[in-house]
Amino acid sequence: MLTATQPVSSTFPAKIHFIWVGGPIPEHYLRSIQRLAIAAKKTGIEVSLWTDAQAHYERTAEKLAMSMPDNFRVRDIHELDTGMQRDSFYQQDKRYERFWSYINREMVGLKNLAAASDILRYEILRQEGGYYFDTDTEFYLDENTILKLDNVDYGFKKIGHLSREGAEGGNDIMAAVPGHAILERALLLVFERYRDLDTQGPLSQSIHQTMDDKRKLAEFMFHGRRPLTIELSGPGVMRDAMKSYMTTFLPPYPPLEKKWDKSPSAREFARKLAEFRIQLAAYEAQNPKRKLFFTGDRVLDIKVVSHSFRSNMAYA
């Protein structure tokens, strides 16, 4: 496992991951994945669409009479089982059982497929490494596009912004080496927050009841589900996992006696933070005039547009 005190220069695995669960993938998302897969094939990058049913891909592909390049794979989410069952990370605190319990909970009844996808992406990257993109990510591609893998010192990048207070942005564009500490921390936070939700949260009296009881929560879930998901499994989890990682890596921030502290300790912290931002979060998001989207820096040496900031603002 990588830790913040053990930077190792490495290149991300040549893998790109997408997730789609719960029904047929929309046509425009599959076309976007096809274009990216064609570009990725030039440099030997594998593209995987993880799903809970092969038919979710096949129905859309057949409708479009679409053929995919041979570097594209449709993969069942339960392929993760093999790696999980033999991994010491899942041999503690019933983590394996809890992982699938939370996934299954969010994919039946009053579904929360966004939460299921959040949890799955952390484990996919933890096991295999590579790049993760939400299916609604926009890629700027043409026939001459060549994808180039990023080389990093700390083994992790995401869309967003880092400051000494923590991390901002979504969890919709990420890249990692396998087994990264941030991903394990994210999963542990998910387990902790679901447990707290079940025992202390607004659903604690009903979450284990019958499906009819669960449906009675629709009024709460309509108004409260999205912000709850952000903190339960989504960007809030990634924010806190990165903050924990930064705390391990960075020295304590010195108290400031004035606005612009030029003491040696403050300068050293600023230098460390700048280095950390370059190596850990180079997909720096720009937000001119508070526009409702992130235009990321170059990922895989191509321009991408992330919509995570719009979602976060809507429920801030």
Protein backbone atom coordinates (compact mmCIF):
# COMPACT_ATOMS: atom_id res chain seq x y z
CA MET A 1 0.00 0.00 0.00
CA LEU A 2 1.21 3.50 -0.76
CA THR A 3 1.29 5.95 2.11
CA ALA A 4 1.78 9.68 2.18
CA THR A 5 5.28 9.27 3.55
CA GLN A 6 6.33 6.82 0.85
CA PRO A 7 6.07 8.61 -2.50
CA VAL A 8 6.91 6.30 -5.37
CA SER A 9 7.09 7.63 -8.91
CA SER A 10 4.80 5.49 -11.04
CA THR A 11 2.56 5.54 -14.08
CA PHE A 12 -1.12 4.76 -13.73
CA PRO A 13 -2.16 1.37 -15.12
CA ALA A 14 -3.33 1.48 -18.73
CA LYS A 15 -6.98 1.04 -17.78
CA ILE A 16 -10.05 3.26 -18.02
CA HIS A 17 -13.18 2.38 -16.05
CA PHE A 18 -16.84 3.38 -16.38
CA ILE A 19 -19.81 2.13 -14.35
CA TRP A 20 -23.44 1.78 -15.42
CA VAL A 21 -25.98 -0.14 -13.33
CA GLY A 22 -29.74 -0.42 -13.07
CA GLY A 23 -30.83 -0.36 -16.72
CA PRO A 24 -29.74 0.13 -20.34
CA ILE A 25 -26.96 2.66 -20.79
CA PRO A 26 -28.13 5.78 -22.69
CA GLU A 27 -27.08 5.95 -26.32
CA HIS A 28 -25.07 9.16 -26.07
CA TYR A 29 -23.04 7.79 -23.16
CA LEU A 30 -22.16 4.63 -25.06
CA ARG A 31 -21.16 6.64 -28.14
CA SER A 32 -18.86 8.74 -25.96
CA ILE A 33 -17.26 5.61 -24.49
CA GLN A 34 -16.83 4.16 -27.97
CA ARG A 35 -14.97 7.27 -29.17
CA LEU A 36 -12.70 7.18 -26.13
CA ALA A 37 -12.05 3.44 -26.58
CA ILE A 38 -11.02 3.97 -30.19
CA ALA A 39 -8.52 6.63 -29.12
CA ALA A 40 -7.32 4.50 -26.20
CA LYS A 41 -6.57 1.52 -28.45
CA LYS A 42 -3.75 3.45 -30.13
CA THR A 43 -1.69 3.32 -26.94
CA GLY A 44 -2.87 -0.05 -25.64
CA ILE A 45 -5.24 1.27 -22.97
CA GLU A 46 -8.05 -1.06 -21.90
CA VAL A 47 -11.54 0.41 -21.45
CA SER A 48 -14.02 -1.37 -19.15
CA LEU A 49 -17.72 -0.77 -18.65
CA TRP A 50 -18.71 -2.28 -15.30
CA THR A 51 -22.37 -3.24 -14.99
CA ASP A 52 -24.76 -5.47 -13.07
CA ALA A 53 -26.12 -7.05 -16.27
CA GLN A 54 -24.58 -7.57 -19.71
CA ALA A 55 -27.95 -6.71 -21.23
CA HIS A 56 -27.60 -3.09 -20.07
CA TYR A 57 -24.85 -2.74 -22.66
CA GLU A 58 -26.17 -5.14 -25.30
CA ARG A 59 -29.59 -3.53 -25.68
CA THR A 60 -28.11 -0.14 -26.46
CA ALA A 61 -25.30 -1.50 -28.64
CA GLU A 62 -27.76 -3.56 -30.71
CA LYS A 63 -30.08 -0.59 -31.13
CA LEU A 64 -27.18 1.48 -32.44
CA ALA A 65 -25.70 -1.41 -34.46
CA MET A 66 -22.49 -0.45 -32.69
CA SER A 67 -19.25 -2.38 -32.73
CA MET A 68 -16.58 -1.67 -30.15
CA PRO A 69 -12.80 -1.93 -30.53
CA ASP A 70 -11.14 -5.02 -29.08
CA ASN A 71 -9.67 -3.07 -26.14
CA PHE A 72 -13.21 -2.59 -24.79
CA ARG A 73 -14.71 -4.99 -22.22
CA VAL A 74 -18.08 -5.27 -20.53
CA ARG A 75 -17.49 -6.54 -17.01
CA ASP A 76 -19.81 -7.76 -14.28
CA ILE A 77 -19.44 -5.97 -10.97
CA HIS A 78 -19.24 -9.36 -9.22
CA GLU A 79 -15.85 -9.94 -10.84
CA LEU A 80 -14.62 -7.89 -7.90
CA ASP A 81 -15.50 -10.83 -5.62
CA THR A 82 -12.38 -12.84 -6.41
CA GLY A 83 -9.97 -10.11 -5.43
CA MET A 84 -11.97 -9.10 -2.38
CA GLN A 85 -12.23 -12.59 -0.89
CA ARG A 86 -8.48 -13.11 -0.81
CA ASP A 87 -7.56 -9.58 0.27
CA SER A 88 -6.65 -9.00 3.91
CA PHE A 89 -8.40 -5.63 3.77
CA TYR A 90 -11.75 -7.46 3.59
CA GLN A 91 -10.96 -10.03 6.27
CA GLN A 92 -11.69 -7.54 9.06
CA ASP A 93 -14.90 -6.19 10.62
CA LYS A 94 -17.09 -8.05 8.11
CA ARG A 95 -16.04 -5.56 5.44
CA TYR A 96 -16.73 -7.96 2.58
CA GLU A 97 -20.27 -8.64 3.76
CA ARG A 98 -20.91 -4.97 4.46
CA PHE A 99 -19.64 -3.91 1.03
CA TRP A 100 -22.12 -6.09 -0.84
CA SER A 101 -24.88 -5.40 1.67
CA TYR A 102 -24.65 -1.67 0.95
CA ILE A 103 -24.40 -2.23 -2.82
CA ASN A 104 -27.44 -4.52 -2.83
CA ARG A 105 -29.42 -2.15 -0.61
CA GLU A 106 -28.94 0.73 -3.04
CA MET A 107 -29.92 -1.34 -6.10
CA VAL A 108 -33.37 -2.52 -4.96
CA GLY A 109 -36.60 -0.85 -3.86
CA LEU A 110 -36.14 2.88 -3.50
CA LYS A 111 -32.90 2.72 -5.45
CA ASN A 112 -29.88 4.96 -5.06
CA LEU A 113 -27.74 3.91 -8.00
CA ALA A 114 -25.45 6.90 -7.56
CA ALA A 115 -24.42 5.61 -4.14
CA ALA A 116 -23.89 2.09 -5.48
CA SER A 117 -21.69 3.51 -8.22
CA ASP A 118 -19.71 5.56 -5.68
CA ILE A 119 -18.84 2.49 -3.63
CA LEU A 120 -18.04 0.37 -6.68
CA ARG A 121 -15.62 2.92 -8.16
CA TYR A 122 -13.51 2.99 -4.99
CA GLU A 123 -13.12 -0.80 -5.03
CA ILE A 124 -12.50 -1.01 -8.79
CA LEU A 125 -9.66 1.50 -8.55
CA ARG A 126 -8.38 -0.07 -5.33
CA GLN A 127 -8.12 -3.46 -7.04
CA GLU A 128 -7.05 -2.55 -10.54
CA GLY A 129 -5.93 1.06 -10.59
CA GLY A 130 -6.20 3.21 -13.69
CA TYR A 131 -8.65 5.98 -14.54
CA TYR A 132 -12.29 6.32 -13.55
CA PHE A 133 -14.74 8.59 -15.39
CA ASP A 134 -18.47 9.10 -14.86
CA THR A 135 -20.37 8.23 -18.02
CA ASP A 136 -21.46 11.86 -18.48
CA THR A 137 -17.88 13.14 -18.73
CA GLU A 138 -17.29 15.01 -21.98
CA PHE A 139 -14.09 14.21 -23.88
CA TYR A 140 -12.57 16.45 -26.53
CA LEU A 141 -11.34 13.96 -29.13
CA ASP A 142 -10.55 13.86 -32.82
CA GLU A 143 -9.00 11.32 -35.19
CA ASN A 144 -5.50 12.44 -34.19
CA THR A 145 -5.99 12.14 -30.42
CA ILE A 146 -3.36 10.09 -28.58
CA LEU A 147 -3.97 9.26 -24.92
CA LYS A 148 -0.93 9.52 -22.66
CA LEU A 149 -0.77 7.96 -19.21
CA ASP A 150 0.11 10.29 -16.34
CA ASN A 151 3.25 9.75 -14.28
CA VAL A 152 2.82 10.66 -10.61
CA ASP A 153 4.81 10.60 -7.40
CA TYR A 154 1.93 9.93 -5.01
CA GLY A 155 -0.16 7.55 -7.06
CA PHE A 156 -3.46 9.46 -7.07
CA LYS A 157 -5.21 12.28 -8.91
CA LYS A 158 -8.76 13.61 -9.03
CA ILE A 159 -10.70 16.49 -10.47
CA GLY A 160 -10.90 19.40 -8.09
CA HIS A 161 -8.83 21.73 -5.97
CA LEU A 162 -6.61 21.28 -2.93
CA SER A 163 -5.99 23.85 -0.23
CA ARG A 164 -4.68 23.63 3.30
CA GLU A 165 -8.28 23.28 4.49
CA GLY A 166 -8.83 20.15 2.44
CA ALA A 167 -10.04 19.03 -0.99
CA GLU A 168 -12.90 20.26 -3.15
CA GLY A 169 -14.54 18.86 -6.26
CA GLY A 170 -16.29 15.64 -7.15
CA ASN A 171 -15.38 11.99 -7.35
CA ASP A 172 -16.35 11.66 -11.00
CA ILE A 173 -12.82 11.87 -12.45
CA MET A 174 -10.10 10.02 -10.58
CA ALA A 175 -6.96 8.02 -11.23
CA ALA A 176 -4.96 5.82 -8.89
CA VAL A 177 -2.42 3.06 -8.61
CA PRO A 178 -3.83 -0.19 -7.14
CA GLY A 179 -4.14 -0.39 -3.37
CA HIS A 180 -3.82 3.32 -2.75
CA ALA A 181 -4.37 4.45 0.84
CA ILE A 182 -6.88 7.12 -0.20
CA LEU A 183 -9.17 4.49 -1.71
CA GLU A 184 -8.98 2.25 1.34
CA ARG A 185 -9.71 5.25 3.54
CA ALA A 186 -12.69 6.14 1.33
CA LEU A 187 -14.12 2.63 1.72
CA LEU A 188 -13.64 2.71 5.48
CA LEU A 189 -15.48 6.04 5.62
CA VAL A 190 -18.35 4.55 3.59
CA PHE A 191 -18.63 1.62 6.00
CA GLU A 192 -18.55 3.97 8.98
CA ARG A 193 -21.16 6.36 7.59
CA TYR A 194 -23.61 3.64 6.55
CA ARG A 195 -23.32 2.12 10.01
CA ASP A 196 -23.98 5.52 11.58
CA LEU A 197 -26.92 6.10 9.24
CA ASP A 198 -28.46 2.79 10.25
CA THR A 199 -28.05 3.40 13.96
CA GLN A 200 -28.34 7.17 14.33
CA GLY A 201 -29.56 8.70 11.07
CA PRO A 202 -33.02 9.71 9.80
CA LEU A 203 -33.61 6.20 8.44
CA SER A 204 -32.49 4.35 11.54
CA GLN A 205 -36.02 3.33 12.54
CA SER A 206 -37.05 2.15 9.08
CA ILE A 207 -34.05 1.06 7.04
CA HIS A 208 -34.35 -2.60 8.00
CA GLN A 209 -38.14 -2.78 7.74
CA THR A 210 -40.25 -4.12 4.88
CA MET A 211 -40.19 -2.68 1.37
CA ASP A 212 -43.54 -0.96 2.05
CA ASP A 213 -42.00 0.76 5.05
CA LYS A 214 -39.06 1.78 2.91
CA ARG A 215 -41.35 3.36 0.33
CA LYS A 216 -42.94 5.47 3.05
CA LEU A 217 -39.62 7.28 3.29
CA ALA A 218 -40.05 8.67 -0.22
CA GLU A 219 -40.84 12.18 0.98
CA PHE A 220 -37.62 12.35 2.98
CA MET A 221 -35.58 10.75 0.24
CA PHE A 222 -36.96 13.08 -2.45
CA HIS A 223 -35.72 16.12 -0.57
CA GLY A 224 -32.79 14.66 1.33
CA ARG A 225 -31.27 11.87 -0.73
CA ARG A 226 -28.83 13.85 -2.86
CA PRO A 227 -27.06 15.80 -0.11
CA LEU A 228 -27.09 12.65 2.03
CA THR A 229 -25.44 10.65 -0.77
CA ILE A 230 -22.74 13.28 -1.22
CA GLU A 231 -21.61 12.79 2.37
CA LEU A 232 -22.49 9.10 2.70
CA SER A 233 -20.61 7.72 -0.29
CA GLY A 234 -19.85 10.48 -2.77
CA PRO A 235 -17.66 13.58 -3.01
CA GLY A 236 -17.81 14.16 0.75
CA VAL A 237 -16.17 10.79 1.36
CA MET A 238 -13.42 11.51 -1.16
CA ARG A 239 -12.89 14.97 0.33
CA ASP A 240 -12.41 13.53 3.79
CA ALA A 241 -10.25 10.63 2.60
CA MET A 242 -7.92 13.07 0.85
CA LYS A 243 -7.87 15.38 3.85
CA SER A 244 -6.81 12.45 6.03
CA TYR A 245 -4.07 11.60 3.54
CA MET A 246 -2.90 15.22 3.44
CA THR A 247 -2.78 15.35 7.23
CA THR A 248 -0.40 12.40 7.19
CA PHE A 249 1.79 13.95 4.51
CA LEU A 250 1.88 17.61 5.47
CA PRO A 251 3.40 19.15 8.60
CA PRO A 252 0.99 20.97 10.92
CA TYR A 253 0.12 24.37 9.53
CA PRO A 254 1.86 27.07 11.61
CA PRO A 255 -0.38 29.65 13.27
CA LEU A 256 -0.49 32.88 11.30
CA GLU A 257 0.17 36.12 13.16
CA LYS A 258 -0.68 38.17 10.10
CA LYS A 259 -2.37 37.61 6.77
CA TRP A 260 0.80 37.07 4.76
CA ASP A 261 3.11 35.09 7.00
CA LYS A 262 6.63 34.89 5.58
CA SER A 263 8.18 32.86 8.38
CA PRO A 264 10.37 29.89 7.38
CA SER A 265 7.77 27.43 8.68
CA ALA A 266 4.98 29.05 6.66
CA ARG A 267 7.12 29.15 3.53
CA GLU A 268 8.02 25.49 3.98
CA PHE A 269 4.37 24.56 4.36
CA ALA A 270 3.49 26.53 1.23
CA ARG A 271 6.26 24.75 -0.69
CA LYS A 272 5.06 21.35 0.50
CA LEU A 273 1.45 22.14 -0.35
CA ALA A 274 2.39 23.36 -3.82
CA GLU A 275 4.37 20.18 -4.43
CA PHE A 276 1.53 18.05 -3.11
CA ARG A 277 -1.03 19.75 -5.32
CA ILE A 278 1.10 19.22 -8.39
CA GLN A 279 1.68 15.55 -7.68
CA LEU A 280 -1.65 14.54 -6.16
CA ALA A 281 -4.31 16.73 -7.76
CA ALA A 282 -3.09 17.99 -11.10
CA TYR A 283 -6.55 17.83 -12.66
CA GLU A 284 -7.08 21.35 -11.40
CA ALA A 285 -10.63 22.60 -11.95
CA GLN A 286 -11.32 26.11 -13.16
CA ASN A 287 -14.54 27.91 -12.29
CA PRO A 288 -14.58 31.37 -13.90
CA LYS A 289 -17.42 33.55 -12.62
CA ARG A 290 -18.99 30.62 -10.75
CA LYS A 291 -20.09 28.79 -13.89
CA LEU A 292 -21.94 25.59 -13.10
CA PHE A 293 -19.39 23.13 -14.42
CA PHE A 294 -15.77 22.21 -14.06
CA THR A 295 -13.50 22.48 -17.04
CA GLY A 296 -10.63 20.29 -16.04
CA ASP A 297 -7.01 20.50 -16.94
CA ARG A 298 -5.74 17.78 -19.26
CA VAL A 299 -6.43 14.19 -18.22
CA LEU A 300 -4.66 11.53 -20.29
CA ASP A 301 -3.41 14.59 -22.17
CA ILE A 302 -6.91 15.42 -23.44
CA LYS A 303 -9.36 18.08 -22.33
CA VAL A 304 -12.32 16.85 -20.30
CA VAL A 305 -15.40 18.56 -18.88
CA SER A 306 -16.75 17.37 -15.52
CA HIS A 307 -20.25 18.19 -14.33
CA SER A 308 -19.65 17.38 -10.68
CA PHE A 309 -19.44 20.99 -9.56
CA ARG A 310 -22.91 21.74 -10.86
CA SER A 311 -24.31 18.86 -8.79
CA ASN A 312 -22.48 19.95 -5.66
CA MET A 313 -23.56 23.59 -5.97
CA ALA A 314 -27.20 22.64 -6.44
CA TYR A 315 -27.24 20.96 -3.04
CA ALA A 316 -24.72 23.10 -1.15
